[in-house]
Each structure stands twice: as structure tokens, then as C-alpha cells.
Amino acid sequence: MEKITKEQYEFALAKVEELLPLVDDNMPANDKKALELSVMSDIVIAYEKAHFPIEKPTVSELIELSLEEKGITQRELASNIGISPSRVNDYIAGRSEPTLKIARLLCIELNISPEAMLRV
């Protein structure tokens, strides 16, 4: 796809917002509105990937967010996986990275995918 300008992006974004309420899953894929929505969505996605890339979260961010989601403290996590609370704090502060063994335990305890933990 050619380089998309800001004006093209804004036009496509407006079209997507206009078409979304008109297209549903029951509509045939070859319907004019469904096709237009697909093309406009592709333009929006391509522009946003180029101009607003989303970085993969760090190990520190993964642990911190997961603790918040699960509603547990660093101390509870440390106890659950058999390490010191200061070690958990080191991971969250970015002072150290967990070993593979500890990363595995973190993935299990915090329900983090191994791919995310390894930043793949």
C-alpha cells in the first residue's frame, strides 16, 4: 500500500465511523457498504501502525498490570511463587529480569502468556 496521508487517514476514519452502524455480521461480504468498510478499515489500520505503533509491554509492566488485575500485592506474589518481596520489587522496578524458572512461575501465577513475558 502506498504511503497514506493524514488527510486520507482522517477521511477513512470518518467513513469507518459512518459505516460501522450500517454494517453487521449478517451482511454479505460482497455488499457495497461492507466492502467500503473493509477498505477504509485497512487504510486506518495501516496509517495507525505507521504513526501510532504500540510497543510491547516490558516484563516490569506485565507484572505490575497483572498484580493490579488480580488484586494481589507484591508480597503475596512473592509468597505464592517462593521468592522474596524485594526480588519482585526488583522485577517491577526494572533492576533485574526473572530467570526462566521464575518467569514460568510468574506466567502461571499471574496468567501472563509466555510469549508476552519473552516479548515475542
C-alpha atoms as a PDB file:
ATOM      1  CA  MET A   1       0.000   0.000   0.000  1.00  0.00           C
ATOM      2  CA  GLU A   2       1.269   3.481  -0.835  1.00  0.00           C
ATOM      3  CA  LYS A   3       2.062   5.970   1.902  1.00  0.00           C
ATOM      4  CA  ILE A   4      -1.186   7.209   3.391  1.00  0.00           C
ATOM      5  CA  THR A   5      -1.502  10.925   4.106  1.00  0.00           C
ATOM      6  CA  LYS A   6      -3.054  12.376   7.227  1.00  0.00           C
ATOM      7  CA  GLU A   7      -5.943  13.696   5.150  1.00  0.00           C
ATOM      8  CA  GLN A   8      -6.602  10.241   3.660  1.00  0.00           C
ATOM      9  CA  TYR A   9      -6.457   8.743   7.138  1.00  0.00           C
ATOM     10  CA  GLU A  10      -8.929  11.283   8.534  1.00  0.00           C
ATOM     11  CA  PHE A  11     -11.297  10.701   5.595  1.00  0.00           C
ATOM     12  CA  ALA A  12     -11.094   6.918   6.027  1.00  0.00           C
ATOM     13  CA  LEU A  13     -11.612   7.214   9.784  1.00  0.00           C
ATOM     14  CA  ALA A  14     -14.742   9.320   9.271  1.00  0.00           C
ATOM     15  CA  LYS A  15     -16.039   6.777   6.723  1.00  0.00           C
ATOM     16  CA  VAL A  16     -15.424   3.907   9.137  1.00  0.00           C
ATOM     17  CA  GLU A  17     -17.395   5.714  11.847  1.00  0.00           C
ATOM     18  CA  GLU A  18     -20.194   6.385   9.367  1.00  0.00           C
ATOM     19  CA  LEU A  19     -20.327   2.795   8.068  1.00  0.00           C
ATOM     20  CA  LEU A  20     -19.934   0.854  11.323  1.00  0.00           C
ATOM     21  CA  PRO A  21     -23.565   1.247  12.398  1.00  0.00           C
ATOM     22  CA  LEU A  22     -24.754   0.248   8.910  1.00  0.00           C
ATOM     23  CA  VAL A  23     -22.771  -2.996   8.537  1.00  0.00           C
ATOM     24  CA  ASP A  24     -23.308  -6.105  10.621  1.00  0.00           C
ATOM     25  CA  ASP A  25     -22.194  -9.742  10.606  1.00  0.00           C
ATOM     26  CA  ASN A  26     -25.298 -10.845   8.691  1.00  0.00           C
ATOM     27  CA  MET A  27     -24.482  -8.637   5.713  1.00  0.00           C
ATOM     28  CA  PRO A  28     -22.952 -10.410   2.700  1.00  0.00           C
ATOM     29  CA  ALA A  29     -19.212  -9.832   2.356  1.00  0.00           C
ATOM     30  CA  ASN A  30     -19.690  -8.518  -1.191  1.00  0.00           C
ATOM     31  CA  ASP A  31     -22.172  -5.835  -0.106  1.00  0.00           C
ATOM     32  CA  LYS A  32     -21.035  -2.371  -1.222  1.00  0.00           C
ATOM     33  CA  LYS A  33     -21.066  -0.929   2.306  1.00  0.00           C
ATOM     34  CA  ALA A  34     -19.251  -3.961   3.761  1.00  0.00           C
ATOM     35  CA  LEU A  35     -16.565  -3.712   1.070  1.00  0.00           C
ATOM     36  CA  GLU A  36     -16.149   0.012   1.605  1.00  0.00           C
ATOM     37  CA  LEU A  37     -15.880  -0.510   5.372  1.00  0.00           C
ATOM     38  CA  SER A  38     -13.210  -3.163   4.818  1.00  0.00           C
ATOM     39  CA  VAL A  39     -11.131  -0.914   2.537  1.00  0.00           C
ATOM     40  CA  MET A  40     -11.467   2.119   4.819  1.00  0.00           C
ATOM     41  CA  SER A  41     -10.571  -0.011   7.858  1.00  0.00           C
ATOM     42  CA  ASP A  42      -7.434  -1.251   6.099  1.00  0.00           C
ATOM     43  CA  ILE A  43      -6.374   2.350   5.438  1.00  0.00           C
ATOM     44  CA  VAL A  44      -6.949   3.341   9.070  1.00  0.00           C
ATOM     45  CA  ILE A  45      -5.037   0.298  10.350  1.00  0.00           C
ATOM     46  CA  ALA A  46      -2.083   0.877   8.018  1.00  0.00           C
ATOM     47  CA  TYR A  47      -1.809   4.555   8.975  1.00  0.00           C
ATOM     48  CA  GLU A  48      -2.085   3.849  12.701  1.00  0.00           C
ATOM     49  CA  LYS A  49       0.530   1.100  12.555  1.00  0.00           C
ATOM     50  CA  ALA A  50       2.937   3.521  10.877  1.00  0.00           C
ATOM     51  CA  HIS A  51       2.192   6.576  13.017  1.00  0.00           C
ATOM     52  CA  PHE A  52       0.968   5.223  16.359  1.00  0.00           C
ATOM     53  CA  PRO A  53       2.845   1.963  16.937  1.00  0.00           C
ATOM     54  CA  ILE A  54       2.048   0.137  20.152  1.00  0.00           C
ATOM     55  CA  GLU A  55       5.138  -1.104  21.921  1.00  0.00           C
ATOM     56  CA  LYS A  56       5.133  -4.491  23.581  1.00  0.00           C
ATOM     57  CA  PRO A  57       4.921  -4.160  27.360  1.00  0.00           C
ATOM     58  CA  THR A  58       8.062  -4.736  29.389  1.00  0.00           C
ATOM     59  CA  VAL A  59       8.333  -7.551  31.928  1.00  0.00           C
ATOM     60  CA  SER A  60       8.030  -4.887  34.610  1.00  0.00           C
ATOM     61  CA  GLU A  61       4.784  -3.533  33.119  1.00  0.00           C
ATOM     62  CA  LEU A  62       3.352  -7.033  32.670  1.00  0.00           C
ATOM     63  CA  ILE A  63       3.938  -7.909  36.306  1.00  0.00           C
ATOM     64  CA  GLU A  64       2.646  -4.589  37.603  1.00  0.00           C
ATOM     65  CA  LEU A  65      -0.532  -4.684  35.486  1.00  0.00           C
ATOM     66  CA  SER A  66      -1.190  -8.314  36.349  1.00  0.00           C
ATOM     67  CA  LEU A  67      -0.837  -7.636  40.081  1.00  0.00           C
ATOM     68  CA  GLU A  68      -3.369  -4.835  39.752  1.00  0.00           C
ATOM     69  CA  GLU A  69      -5.779  -7.001  37.724  1.00  0.00           C
ATOM     70  CA  LYS A  70      -5.576  -9.882  40.194  1.00  0.00           C
ATOM     71  CA  GLY A  71      -5.744  -7.550  43.181  1.00  0.00           C
ATOM     72  CA  ILE A  72      -2.718  -9.022  44.924  1.00  0.00           C
ATOM     73  CA  THR A  73       0.306  -7.363  46.468  1.00  0.00           C
ATOM     74  CA  GLN A  74       3.965  -7.823  45.631  1.00  0.00           C
ATOM     75  CA  ARG A  75       4.350  -9.571  48.989  1.00  0.00           C
ATOM     76  CA  GLU A  76       1.532 -12.048  48.170  1.00  0.00           C
ATOM     77  CA  LEU A  77       3.031 -12.754  44.753  1.00  0.00           C
ATOM     78  CA  ALA A  78       6.446 -13.333  46.285  1.00  0.00           C
ATOM     79  CA  SER A  79       4.985 -15.766  48.816  1.00  0.00           C
ATOM     80  CA  ASN A  80       2.964 -17.605  46.148  1.00  0.00           C
ATOM     81  CA  ILE A  81       5.992 -18.267  43.925  1.00  0.00           C
ATOM     82  CA  GLY A  82       8.601 -18.689  46.657  1.00  0.00           C
ATOM     83  CA  ILE A  83      10.808 -15.626  46.220  1.00  0.00           C
ATOM     84  CA  SER A  84      11.490 -12.571  48.362  1.00  0.00           C
ATOM     85  CA  PRO A  85       9.289  -9.468  48.101  1.00  0.00           C
ATOM     86  CA  SER A  86      12.425  -7.433  47.338  1.00  0.00           C
ATOM     87  CA  ARG A  87      13.077  -9.642  44.301  1.00  0.00           C
ATOM     88  CA  VAL A  88       9.542  -8.950  42.989  1.00  0.00           C
ATOM     89  CA  ASN A  89      10.196  -5.264  43.557  1.00  0.00           C
ATOM     90  CA  ASP A  90      13.434  -5.541  41.569  1.00  0.00           C
ATOM     91  CA  TYR A  91      11.478  -7.001  38.622  1.00  0.00           C
ATOM     92  CA  ILE A  92       8.853  -4.262  38.782  1.00  0.00           C
ATOM     93  CA  ALA A  93      11.458  -1.507  39.113  1.00  0.00           C
ATOM     94  CA  GLY A  94      13.353  -2.943  36.138  1.00  0.00           C
ATOM     95  CA  ARG A  95      16.519  -3.518  38.183  1.00  0.00           C
ATOM     96  CA  SER A  96      16.601  -7.187  37.205  1.00  0.00           C
ATOM     97  CA  GLU A  97      14.910  -9.723  34.933  1.00  0.00           C
ATOM     98  CA  PRO A  98      13.467 -13.003  36.202  1.00  0.00           C
ATOM     99  CA  THR A  99      15.209 -16.269  35.397  1.00  0.00           C
ATOM    100  CA  LEU A 100      13.345 -18.607  33.058  1.00  0.00           C
ATOM    101  CA  LYS A 101      12.211 -20.671  36.060  1.00  0.00           C
ATOM    102  CA  ILE A 102      10.819 -17.600  37.835  1.00  0.00           C
ATOM    103  CA  ALA A 103       9.357 -16.230  34.580  1.00  0.00           C
ATOM    104  CA  ARG A 104       7.465 -19.523  34.188  1.00  0.00           C
ATOM    105  CA  LEU A 105       6.100 -19.234  37.733  1.00  0.00           C
ATOM    106  CA  LEU A 106       5.105 -15.604  37.109  1.00  0.00           C
ATOM    107  CA  CYS A 107       3.281 -16.622  33.931  1.00  0.00           C
ATOM    108  CA  ILE A 108       1.342 -19.301  35.780  1.00  0.00           C
ATOM    109  CA  GLU A 109       0.575 -17.233  38.878  1.00  0.00           C
ATOM    110  CA  LEU A 110      -0.345 -14.021  37.027  1.00  0.00           C
ATOM    111  CA  ASN A 111      -1.883 -15.658  33.952  1.00  0.00           C
ATOM    112  CA  ILE A 112       0.615 -13.975  31.602  1.00  0.00           C
ATOM    113  CA  SER A 113       1.275 -15.651  28.271  1.00  0.00           C
ATOM    114  CA  PRO A 114       4.866 -16.924  27.881  1.00  0.00           C
ATOM    115  CA  GLU A 115       5.055 -15.062  24.546  1.00  0.00           C
ATOM    116  CA  ALA A 116       4.304 -11.765  26.284  1.00  0.00           C
ATOM    117  CA  MET A 117       6.822 -12.496  29.052  1.00  0.00           C
ATOM    118  CA  LEU A 118       9.505 -13.270  26.448  1.00  0.00           C
ATOM    119  CA  ARG A 119       8.398 -10.230  24.369  1.00  0.00           C
ATOM    120  CA  VAL A 120       7.977 -12.340  21.242  1.00  0.00           C
END
